[in-house]
Amino acid sequence: MTEQALQDLLSPHGVCYGCGGGNPHGLHIKSYWDKDGVHVIARHLPEAKYCGWPDLVYGGLLAMLVDCHSNWTAMAYHLRAEQALGNDPTAINCVTGDLGIKYIKPTPMGVELTLRARVDGPLERKSRIICEIYAGDVLTALGDSTFVRVDASELANQAHGRT
């Protein structure tokens, strides 16, 4: 894995609850290129407050992890593509187009989770991301989502009807 987290490279003061370093209440998820150059990896040990059923991780937390980490996977691929073209991008932003998650097995509390994600198919404005969640060596959830590259400077204005 690379030394610097993608979040620290592209958005060191981000406010996202899942991955924003600037959110004092957030999870501060960090995503890194795997040494295979294909997958983006994150690790997370859920706190006890994210318990769903007794001794099991809350499914909503798993969905949030898939959402954040898959988004960073899309941005990592776009960053790499821009750099390959000789560009030095300062702003690469993606948003969730659709979020899909399949819960395969119960995810136990007290076990570090590994998220392993990649772009499936062509890297375009809208890209499909596959994200696996492992508890130890056991695949417990599978994300299949679409992320859309956007110009983030206008997102809040659009959401609030200010455009």
N, C-alpha and C. Protein backbone atom coordinates (compact mmCIF):
# COMPACT_ATOMS: atom_id res chain seq x y z
N MET A 1 0.85 -1.19 0.00
CA MET A 1 0.00 0.00 0.00
C MET A 1 0.89 1.25 0.00
N THR A 2 0.36 2.34 -0.54
CA THR A 2 1.11 3.58 -0.57
C THR A 2 1.21 4.14 0.83
N GLU A 3 2.16 5.02 1.01
CA GLU A 3 2.39 5.62 2.32
C GLU A 3 1.31 6.61 2.71
N GLN A 4 0.83 7.41 1.77
CA GLN A 4 -0.12 8.47 2.08
C GLN A 4 -1.54 8.05 1.73
N ALA A 5 -2.45 8.26 2.67
CA ALA A 5 -3.86 7.96 2.42
C ALA A 5 -4.39 8.90 1.34
N LEU A 6 -5.28 8.37 0.51
CA LEU A 6 -5.87 9.18 -0.56
C LEU A 6 -6.59 10.39 0.02
N GLN A 7 -7.26 10.22 1.16
CA GLN A 7 -7.98 11.32 1.79
C GLN A 7 -7.01 12.45 2.16
N ASP A 8 -5.83 12.09 2.66
CA ASP A 8 -4.85 13.09 3.06
C ASP A 8 -4.25 13.79 1.84
N LEU A 9 -4.19 13.08 0.74
CA LEU A 9 -3.63 13.63 -0.49
C LEU A 9 -4.59 14.59 -1.17
N LEU A 10 -5.87 14.19 -1.30
CA LEU A 10 -6.83 14.97 -2.08
C LEU A 10 -7.76 15.86 -1.26
N SER A 11 -7.97 15.52 0.01
CA SER A 11 -8.94 16.29 0.80
C SER A 11 -8.58 16.23 2.29
N PRO A 12 -7.43 16.79 2.66
CA PRO A 12 -6.98 16.66 4.05
C PRO A 12 -7.88 17.30 5.09
N HIS A 13 -8.73 18.24 4.67
CA HIS A 13 -9.62 18.91 5.61
C HIS A 13 -11.08 18.58 5.33
N GLY A 14 -11.33 17.46 4.67
CA GLY A 14 -12.69 17.07 4.32
C GLY A 14 -13.58 16.92 5.54
N VAL A 15 -14.87 17.15 5.35
CA VAL A 15 -15.81 17.13 6.46
C VAL A 15 -16.74 15.92 6.46
N CYS A 16 -16.56 15.01 5.52
CA CYS A 16 -17.42 13.82 5.46
C CYS A 16 -17.34 13.05 6.78
N TYR A 17 -18.50 12.59 7.24
CA TYR A 17 -18.54 11.84 8.50
C TYR A 17 -17.71 10.56 8.42
N GLY A 18 -17.73 9.89 7.29
CA GLY A 18 -17.02 8.62 7.18
C GLY A 18 -15.52 8.78 7.00
N CYS A 19 -15.11 9.74 6.16
CA CYS A 19 -13.69 9.79 5.78
C CYS A 19 -13.04 11.15 5.94
N GLY A 20 -13.76 12.13 6.41
CA GLY A 20 -13.20 13.47 6.50
C GLY A 20 -12.30 13.68 7.70
N GLY A 21 -11.06 14.03 7.42
CA GLY A 21 -10.12 14.32 8.50
C GLY A 21 -10.49 15.56 9.29
N GLY A 22 -11.29 16.44 8.69
CA GLY A 22 -11.70 17.66 9.36
C GLY A 22 -12.98 17.52 10.18
N ASN A 23 -13.54 16.33 10.24
CA ASN A 23 -14.76 16.11 11.03
C ASN A 23 -14.37 15.50 12.37
N PRO A 24 -14.48 16.27 13.46
CA PRO A 24 -14.03 15.76 14.75
C PRO A 24 -14.84 14.58 15.27
N HIS A 25 -16.04 14.36 14.73
CA HIS A 25 -16.90 13.27 15.20
C HIS A 25 -16.89 12.07 14.25
N GLY A 26 -16.17 12.18 13.14
CA GLY A 26 -16.22 11.16 12.10
C GLY A 26 -15.38 9.93 12.37
N LEU A 27 -15.44 9.01 11.42
CA LEU A 27 -14.72 7.74 11.52
C LEU A 27 -13.28 7.84 11.03
N HIS A 28 -12.99 8.83 10.20
CA HIS A 28 -11.63 9.06 9.68
C HIS A 28 -11.08 7.86 8.92
N ILE A 29 -11.91 7.28 8.07
CA ILE A 29 -11.48 6.16 7.23
C ILE A 29 -10.35 6.61 6.32
N LYS A 30 -9.36 5.75 6.13
CA LYS A 30 -8.22 6.04 5.26
C LYS A 30 -8.13 4.95 4.19
N SER A 31 -8.00 5.37 2.95
CA SER A 31 -7.94 4.46 1.81
C SER A 31 -6.58 4.57 1.14
N TYR A 32 -6.03 3.42 0.75
CA TYR A 32 -4.70 3.35 0.17
C TYR A 32 -4.71 2.43 -1.05
N TRP A 33 -3.85 2.75 -2.03
CA TRP A 33 -3.65 1.81 -3.12
C TRP A 33 -3.01 0.55 -2.56
N ASP A 34 -3.52 -0.59 -2.98
CA ASP A 34 -2.91 -1.87 -2.63
C ASP A 34 -1.66 -2.04 -3.49
N LYS A 35 -0.75 -2.88 -3.04
CA LYS A 35 0.47 -3.13 -3.80
C LYS A 35 0.18 -3.78 -5.15
N ASP A 36 -1.01 -4.37 -5.33
CA ASP A 36 -1.35 -4.98 -6.63
C ASP A 36 -1.68 -3.93 -7.69
N GLY A 37 -1.85 -2.66 -7.30
CA GLY A 37 -2.14 -1.59 -8.24
C GLY A 37 -3.54 -1.62 -8.82
N VAL A 38 -4.36 -2.55 -8.37
CA VAL A 38 -5.73 -2.69 -8.87
C VAL A 38 -6.74 -2.30 -7.80
N HIS A 39 -6.50 -2.73 -6.59
CA HIS A 39 -7.45 -2.52 -5.50
C HIS A 39 -7.05 -1.33 -4.63
N VAL A 40 -8.06 -0.75 -4.02
CA VAL A 40 -7.86 0.27 -3.00
C VAL A 40 -8.34 -0.36 -1.70
N ILE A 41 -7.54 -0.22 -0.66
CA ILE A 41 -7.76 -0.93 0.61
C ILE A 41 -8.00 0.07 1.75
N ALA A 42 -8.90 -0.28 2.64
CA ALA A 42 -9.10 0.46 3.89
C ALA A 42 -9.31 -0.56 5.00
N ARG A 43 -8.95 -0.18 6.19
CA ARG A 43 -9.16 -1.04 7.36
C ARG A 43 -9.92 -0.25 8.41
N HIS A 44 -10.81 -0.94 9.10
CA HIS A 44 -11.62 -0.26 10.12
C HIS A 44 -12.02 -1.26 11.20
N LEU A 45 -11.86 -0.86 12.43
CA LEU A 45 -12.31 -1.65 13.57
C LEU A 45 -13.50 -0.92 14.19
N PRO A 46 -14.72 -1.42 13.97
CA PRO A 46 -15.91 -0.72 14.49
C PRO A 46 -15.92 -0.63 16.02
N GLU A 47 -16.30 0.52 16.50
CA GLU A 47 -16.47 0.72 17.95
C GLU A 47 -17.77 0.04 18.39
N ALA A 48 -17.87 -0.25 19.67
CA ALA A 48 -19.02 -0.95 20.23
C ALA A 48 -20.34 -0.24 19.94
N LYS A 49 -20.31 1.08 19.78
CA LYS A 49 -21.56 1.82 19.52
C LYS A 49 -22.14 1.51 18.15
N TYR A 50 -21.40 0.82 17.29
CA TYR A 50 -21.90 0.44 15.97
C TYR A 50 -22.37 -1.01 15.92
N CYS A 51 -22.84 -1.48 17.04
CA CYS A 51 -23.39 -2.83 17.16
C CYS A 51 -24.82 -2.83 16.63
N GLY A 52 -25.15 -3.85 15.85
CA GLY A 52 -26.53 -4.03 15.38
C GLY A 52 -27.19 -5.06 16.28
N TRP A 53 -27.08 -6.30 15.92
CA TRP A 53 -27.49 -7.40 16.79
C TRP A 53 -26.37 -7.62 17.80
N PRO A 54 -26.64 -8.29 18.91
CA PRO A 54 -25.58 -8.53 19.89
C PRO A 54 -24.33 -9.15 19.24
N ASP A 55 -23.21 -8.50 19.44
CA ASP A 55 -21.89 -8.94 18.99
C ASP A 55 -21.74 -8.92 17.46
N LEU A 56 -22.63 -8.19 16.76
CA LEU A 56 -22.55 -8.07 15.30
C LEU A 56 -22.55 -6.60 14.89
N VAL A 57 -21.84 -6.31 13.81
CA VAL A 57 -21.74 -4.94 13.30
C VAL A 57 -23.07 -4.53 12.66
N TYR A 58 -23.48 -3.31 12.92
CA TYR A 58 -24.68 -2.71 12.35
C TYR A 58 -24.52 -2.61 10.83
N GLY A 59 -25.50 -3.11 10.11
CA GLY A 59 -25.46 -3.12 8.65
C GLY A 59 -25.35 -1.73 8.04
N GLY A 60 -25.93 -0.73 8.69
CA GLY A 60 -25.84 0.64 8.19
C GLY A 60 -24.40 1.15 8.19
N LEU A 61 -23.62 0.74 9.18
CA LEU A 61 -22.21 1.13 9.20
C LEU A 61 -21.49 0.49 8.02
N LEU A 62 -21.79 -0.77 7.74
CA LEU A 62 -21.16 -1.43 6.60
C LEU A 62 -21.49 -0.71 5.30
N ALA A 63 -22.74 -0.28 5.15
CA ALA A 63 -23.14 0.46 3.95
C ALA A 63 -22.37 1.78 3.86
N MET A 64 -22.21 2.46 4.98
CA MET A 64 -21.46 3.72 4.98
C MET A 64 -20.00 3.49 4.61
N LEU A 65 -19.41 2.42 5.13
CA LEU A 65 -18.03 2.11 4.79
C LEU A 65 -17.89 1.83 3.29
N VAL A 66 -18.82 1.07 2.73
CA VAL A 66 -18.81 0.79 1.29
C VAL A 66 -18.95 2.10 0.52
N ASP A 67 -19.86 2.97 0.94
CA ASP A 67 -20.09 4.23 0.26
C ASP A 67 -18.82 5.07 0.23
N CYS A 68 -18.24 5.34 1.39
CA CYS A 68 -17.05 6.19 1.46
C CYS A 68 -15.87 5.57 0.73
N HIS A 69 -15.59 4.32 1.02
CA HIS A 69 -14.40 3.70 0.44
C HIS A 69 -14.55 3.52 -1.08
N SER A 70 -15.73 3.20 -1.55
CA SER A 70 -15.95 3.07 -2.99
C SER A 70 -15.77 4.41 -3.68
N ASN A 71 -16.24 5.47 -3.06
CA ASN A 71 -16.07 6.81 -3.61
C ASN A 71 -14.58 7.13 -3.75
N TRP A 72 -13.82 6.82 -2.72
CA TRP A 72 -12.38 7.09 -2.78
C TRP A 72 -11.69 6.19 -3.81
N THR A 73 -12.22 5.02 -4.02
CA THR A 73 -11.68 4.15 -5.06
C THR A 73 -11.89 4.80 -6.43
N ALA A 74 -13.08 5.29 -6.69
CA ALA A 74 -13.35 5.97 -7.96
C ALA A 74 -12.41 7.17 -8.12
N MET A 75 -12.26 7.96 -7.08
CA MET A 75 -11.39 9.14 -7.17
C MET A 75 -9.93 8.74 -7.38
N ALA A 76 -9.49 7.64 -6.75
CA ALA A 76 -8.12 7.16 -6.93
C ALA A 76 -7.87 6.78 -8.38
N TYR A 77 -8.82 6.09 -8.98
CA TYR A 77 -8.67 5.70 -10.39
C TYR A 77 -8.64 6.92 -11.30
N HIS A 78 -9.50 7.91 -11.02
CA HIS A 78 -9.49 9.14 -11.82
C HIS A 78 -8.18 9.89 -11.65
N LEU A 79 -7.67 9.95 -10.43
CA LEU A 79 -6.39 10.62 -10.17
C LEU A 79 -5.29 9.94 -10.97
N ARG A 80 -5.24 8.63 -10.92
CA ARG A 80 -4.20 7.90 -11.64
C ARG A 80 -4.32 8.14 -13.15
N ALA A 81 -5.54 8.16 -13.68
CA ALA A 81 -5.75 8.40 -15.11
C ALA A 81 -5.30 9.80 -15.50
N GLU A 82 -5.61 10.79 -14.68
CA GLU A 82 -5.19 12.17 -14.96
C GLU A 82 -3.67 12.29 -14.93
N GLN A 83 -3.05 11.66 -13.95
CA GLN A 83 -1.59 11.71 -13.84
C GLN A 83 -0.93 11.02 -15.03
N ALA A 84 -1.53 9.93 -15.53
CA ALA A 84 -0.99 9.23 -16.70
C ALA A 84 -1.03 10.10 -17.94
N LEU A 85 -1.98 11.03 -17.99
CA LEU A 85 -2.08 11.97 -19.11
C LEU A 85 -1.15 13.17 -18.94
N GLY A 86 -0.42 13.19 -17.83
CA GLY A 86 0.48 14.31 -17.56
C GLY A 86 -0.18 15.47 -16.86
N ASN A 87 -1.43 15.30 -16.45
CA ASN A 87 -2.15 16.36 -15.73
C ASN A 87 -1.81 16.31 -14.25
N ASP A 88 -1.88 17.45 -13.60
CA ASP A 88 -1.68 17.53 -12.16
C ASP A 88 -3.00 18.01 -11.55
N PRO A 89 -3.95 17.10 -11.40
CA PRO A 89 -5.28 17.52 -10.94
C PRO A 89 -5.27 17.98 -9.48
N THR A 90 -5.94 19.08 -9.26
CA THR A 90 -6.05 19.57 -7.89
C THR A 90 -7.40 19.23 -7.28
N ALA A 91 -8.38 18.95 -8.13
CA ALA A 91 -9.72 18.65 -7.60
C ALA A 91 -10.34 17.50 -8.39
N ILE A 92 -10.42 16.37 -7.75
CA ILE A 92 -11.14 15.23 -8.31
C ILE A 92 -12.22 14.90 -7.30
N ASN A 93 -13.46 14.95 -7.74
CA ASN A 93 -14.57 14.67 -6.84
C ASN A 93 -15.56 13.73 -7.50
N CYS A 94 -16.06 12.80 -6.72
CA CYS A 94 -17.10 11.89 -7.17
C CYS A 94 -18.20 11.86 -6.12
N VAL A 95 -19.39 11.53 -6.58
CA VAL A 95 -20.53 11.37 -5.68
C VAL A 95 -21.19 10.02 -5.97
N THR A 96 -21.96 9.56 -5.03
CA THR A 96 -22.66 8.30 -5.17
C THR A 96 -23.80 8.44 -6.17
N GLY A 97 -23.78 7.61 -7.21
CA GLY A 97 -24.89 7.56 -8.16
C GLY A 97 -25.93 6.55 -7.68
N ASP A 98 -25.45 5.40 -7.29
CA ASP A 98 -26.30 4.41 -6.62
C ASP A 98 -25.42 3.55 -5.73
N LEU A 99 -26.01 3.11 -4.65
CA LEU A 99 -25.28 2.33 -3.65
C LEU A 99 -25.98 1.00 -3.49
N GLY A 100 -25.25 -0.07 -3.74
CA GLY A 100 -25.80 -1.41 -3.56
C GLY A 100 -24.92 -2.19 -2.61
N ILE A 101 -25.54 -2.94 -1.73
CA ILE A 101 -24.78 -3.78 -0.81
C ILE A 101 -25.53 -5.08 -0.58
N LYS A 102 -24.79 -6.15 -0.63
CA LYS A 102 -25.34 -7.47 -0.35
C LYS A 102 -24.65 -7.98 0.91
N TYR A 103 -25.46 -8.31 1.91
CA TYR A 103 -24.94 -8.84 3.16
C TYR A 103 -24.84 -10.36 3.01
N ILE A 104 -23.63 -10.86 3.01
CA ILE A 104 -23.39 -12.27 2.72
C ILE A 104 -23.39 -13.12 3.98
N LYS A 105 -22.70 -12.63 5.02
CA LYS A 105 -22.62 -13.33 6.30
C LYS A 105 -22.67 -12.28 7.41
N PRO A 106 -23.07 -12.66 8.61
CA PRO A 106 -23.01 -11.70 9.71
C PRO A 106 -21.57 -11.21 9.93
N THR A 107 -21.43 -9.93 10.23
CA THR A 107 -20.11 -9.34 10.44
C THR A 107 -19.88 -9.19 11.95
N PRO A 108 -18.90 -9.91 12.50
CA PRO A 108 -18.70 -9.89 13.95
C PRO A 108 -18.06 -8.61 14.45
N MET A 109 -18.46 -8.18 15.62
CA MET A 109 -17.79 -7.07 16.32
C MET A 109 -16.44 -7.57 16.81
N GLY A 110 -15.53 -6.64 17.03
CA GLY A 110 -14.23 -6.98 17.60
C GLY A 110 -13.23 -7.53 16.60
N VAL A 111 -13.57 -7.51 15.33
CA VAL A 111 -12.68 -8.01 14.28
C VAL A 111 -12.41 -6.86 13.32
N GLU A 112 -11.15 -6.63 13.00
CA GLU A 112 -10.82 -5.58 12.04
C GLU A 112 -11.40 -5.93 10.68
N LEU A 113 -12.04 -4.92 10.06
CA LEU A 113 -12.62 -5.09 8.74
C LEU A 113 -11.64 -4.59 7.69
N THR A 114 -11.56 -5.30 6.59
CA THR A 114 -10.76 -4.86 5.44
C THR A 114 -11.71 -4.64 4.29
N LEU A 115 -11.64 -3.46 3.72
CA LEU A 115 -12.42 -3.14 2.52
C LEU A 115 -11.47 -3.18 1.34
N ARG A 116 -11.89 -3.88 0.31
CA ARG A 116 -11.06 -4.09 -0.88
C ARG A 116 -11.92 -3.74 -2.09
N ALA A 117 -11.57 -2.65 -2.77
CA ALA A 117 -12.42 -2.14 -3.84
C ALA A 117 -11.64 -1.92 -5.13
N ARG A 118 -12.39 -1.94 -6.25
CA ARG A 118 -11.79 -1.71 -7.56
C ARG A 118 -12.87 -1.20 -8.51
N VAL A 119 -12.42 -0.55 -9.57
CA VAL A 119 -13.34 -0.19 -10.65
C VAL A 119 -13.59 -1.44 -11.47
N ASP A 120 -14.85 -1.69 -11.79
CA ASP A 120 -15.23 -2.83 -12.63
C ASP A 120 -15.73 -2.27 -13.95
N GLY A 121 -15.00 -2.54 -15.01
CA GLY A 121 -15.37 -2.00 -16.31
C GLY A 121 -14.61 -0.72 -16.60
N PRO A 122 -15.06 0.04 -17.58
CA PRO A 122 -14.33 1.23 -17.98
C PRO A 122 -14.44 2.35 -16.94
N LEU A 123 -13.36 3.12 -16.84
CA LEU A 123 -13.37 4.31 -15.99
C LEU A 123 -13.94 5.44 -16.84
N GLU A 124 -15.11 5.90 -16.46
CA GLU A 124 -15.79 6.96 -17.19
C GLU A 124 -16.34 7.97 -16.18
N ARG A 125 -17.13 8.92 -16.66
CA ARG A 125 -17.76 9.86 -15.73
C ARG A 125 -18.58 9.10 -14.69
N LYS A 126 -19.28 8.04 -15.12
CA LYS A 126 -19.99 7.14 -14.21
C LYS A 126 -19.26 5.80 -14.25
N SER A 127 -18.80 5.35 -13.08
CA SER A 127 -18.03 4.12 -13.01
C SER A 127 -18.58 3.18 -11.95
N ARG A 128 -18.54 1.90 -12.28
CA ARG A 128 -19.00 0.86 -11.36
C ARG A 128 -17.85 0.47 -10.43
N ILE A 129 -18.15 0.43 -9.14
CA ILE A 129 -17.16 0.05 -8.13
C ILE A 129 -17.66 -1.19 -7.40
N ILE A 130 -16.80 -2.18 -7.29
CA ILE A 130 -17.06 -3.38 -6.50
C ILE A 130 -16.23 -3.28 -5.23
N CYS A 131 -16.86 -3.42 -4.09
CA CYS A 131 -16.18 -3.28 -2.80
C CYS A 131 -16.52 -4.47 -1.91
N GLU A 132 -15.51 -5.22 -1.54
CA GLU A 132 -15.68 -6.37 -0.65
C GLU A 132 -15.33 -5.96 0.77
N ILE A 133 -16.10 -6.47 1.73
CA ILE A 133 -15.76 -6.28 3.14
C ILE A 133 -15.44 -7.64 3.72
N TYR A 134 -14.26 -7.71 4.32
CA TYR A 134 -13.82 -8.93 4.99
C TYR A 134 -13.69 -8.67 6.48
N ALA A 135 -14.16 -9.62 7.28
CA ALA A 135 -13.90 -9.64 8.72
C ALA A 135 -12.86 -10.74 8.90
N GLY A 136 -11.61 -10.34 9.12
CA GLY A 136 -10.54 -11.32 9.06
C GLY A 136 -10.44 -11.81 7.62
N ASP A 137 -10.55 -13.11 7.42
CA ASP A 137 -10.49 -13.70 6.07
C ASP A 137 -11.86 -14.02 5.49
N VAL A 138 -12.93 -13.63 6.18
CA VAL A 138 -14.28 -14.01 5.78
C VAL A 138 -14.97 -12.84 5.07
N LEU A 139 -15.42 -13.09 3.83
CA LEU A 139 -16.18 -12.09 3.09
C LEU A 139 -17.57 -12.00 3.71
N THR A 140 -17.92 -10.82 4.22
CA THR A 140 -19.23 -10.67 4.88
C THR A 140 -20.19 -9.77 4.12
N ALA A 141 -19.68 -8.89 3.26
CA ALA A 141 -20.56 -7.99 2.51
C ALA A 141 -19.90 -7.63 1.19
N LEU A 142 -20.75 -7.32 0.21
CA LEU A 142 -20.26 -6.98 -1.12
C LEU A 142 -21.01 -5.76 -1.63
N GLY A 143 -20.29 -4.71 -1.91
CA GLY A 143 -20.88 -3.51 -2.48
C GLY A 143 -20.76 -3.51 -3.99
N ASP A 144 -21.81 -3.07 -4.66
CA ASP A 144 -21.83 -2.94 -6.12
C ASP A 144 -22.53 -1.62 -6.39
N SER A 145 -21.75 -0.60 -6.69
CA SER A 145 -22.28 0.77 -6.72
C SER A 145 -21.75 1.53 -7.92
N THR A 146 -22.37 2.67 -8.19
CA THR A 146 -21.94 3.56 -9.26
C THR A 146 -21.57 4.90 -8.66
N PHE A 147 -20.43 5.42 -9.09
CA PHE A 147 -19.96 6.73 -8.64
C PHE A 147 -19.75 7.63 -9.84
N VAL A 148 -20.10 8.91 -9.67
CA VAL A 148 -20.13 9.87 -10.76
C VAL A 148 -19.12 10.98 -10.48
N ARG A 149 -18.25 11.22 -11.44
CA ARG A 149 -17.30 12.33 -11.31
C ARG A 149 -18.05 13.63 -11.54
N VAL A 150 -17.85 14.59 -10.63
CA VAL A 150 -18.58 15.85 -10.67
C VAL A 150 -17.65 17.03 -10.40
N ASP A 151 -18.17 18.21 -10.69
CA ASP A 151 -17.55 19.45 -10.26
C ASP A 151 -18.21 19.81 -8.93
N ALA A 152 -17.51 19.60 -7.85
CA ALA A 152 -18.09 19.75 -6.52
C ALA A 152 -18.38 21.18 -6.13
N SER A 153 -17.84 22.13 -6.86
CA SER A 153 -18.01 23.53 -6.46
C SER A 153 -19.46 23.98 -6.46
N GLU A 154 -20.33 23.31 -7.19
CA GLU A 154 -21.73 23.72 -7.28
C GLU A 154 -22.71 22.77 -6.59
N LEU A 155 -22.22 21.69 -5.98
CA LEU A 155 -23.14 20.70 -5.41
C LEU A 155 -24.05 21.26 -4.32
N ALA A 156 -23.49 21.98 -3.37
CA ALA A 156 -24.32 22.53 -2.28
C ALA A 156 -25.32 23.53 -2.81
N ASN A 157 -24.91 24.36 -3.77
CA ASN A 157 -25.86 25.32 -4.35
C ASN A 157 -27.00 24.62 -5.04
N GLN A 158 -26.72 23.57 -5.77
CA GLN A 158 -27.77 22.80 -6.43
C GLN A 158 -28.69 22.18 -5.40
N ALA A 159 -28.13 21.58 -4.35
CA ALA A 159 -28.94 20.93 -3.33
C ALA A 159 -29.87 21.89 -2.61
N HIS A 160 -29.43 23.14 -2.46
CA HIS A 160 -30.23 24.13 -1.76
C HIS A 160 -31.04 25.02 -2.71
N GLY A 161 -31.03 24.67 -4.00
CA GLY A 161 -31.82 25.43 -4.97
C GLY A 161 -31.29 26.82 -5.23
N ARG A 162 -30.00 27.02 -5.05
CA ARG A 162 -29.40 28.36 -5.24
C ARG A 162 -28.80 28.56 -6.61
N THR A 163 -29.04 27.65 -7.55
CA THR A 163 -28.45 27.82 -8.88
C THR A 163 -29.47 28.29 -9.88
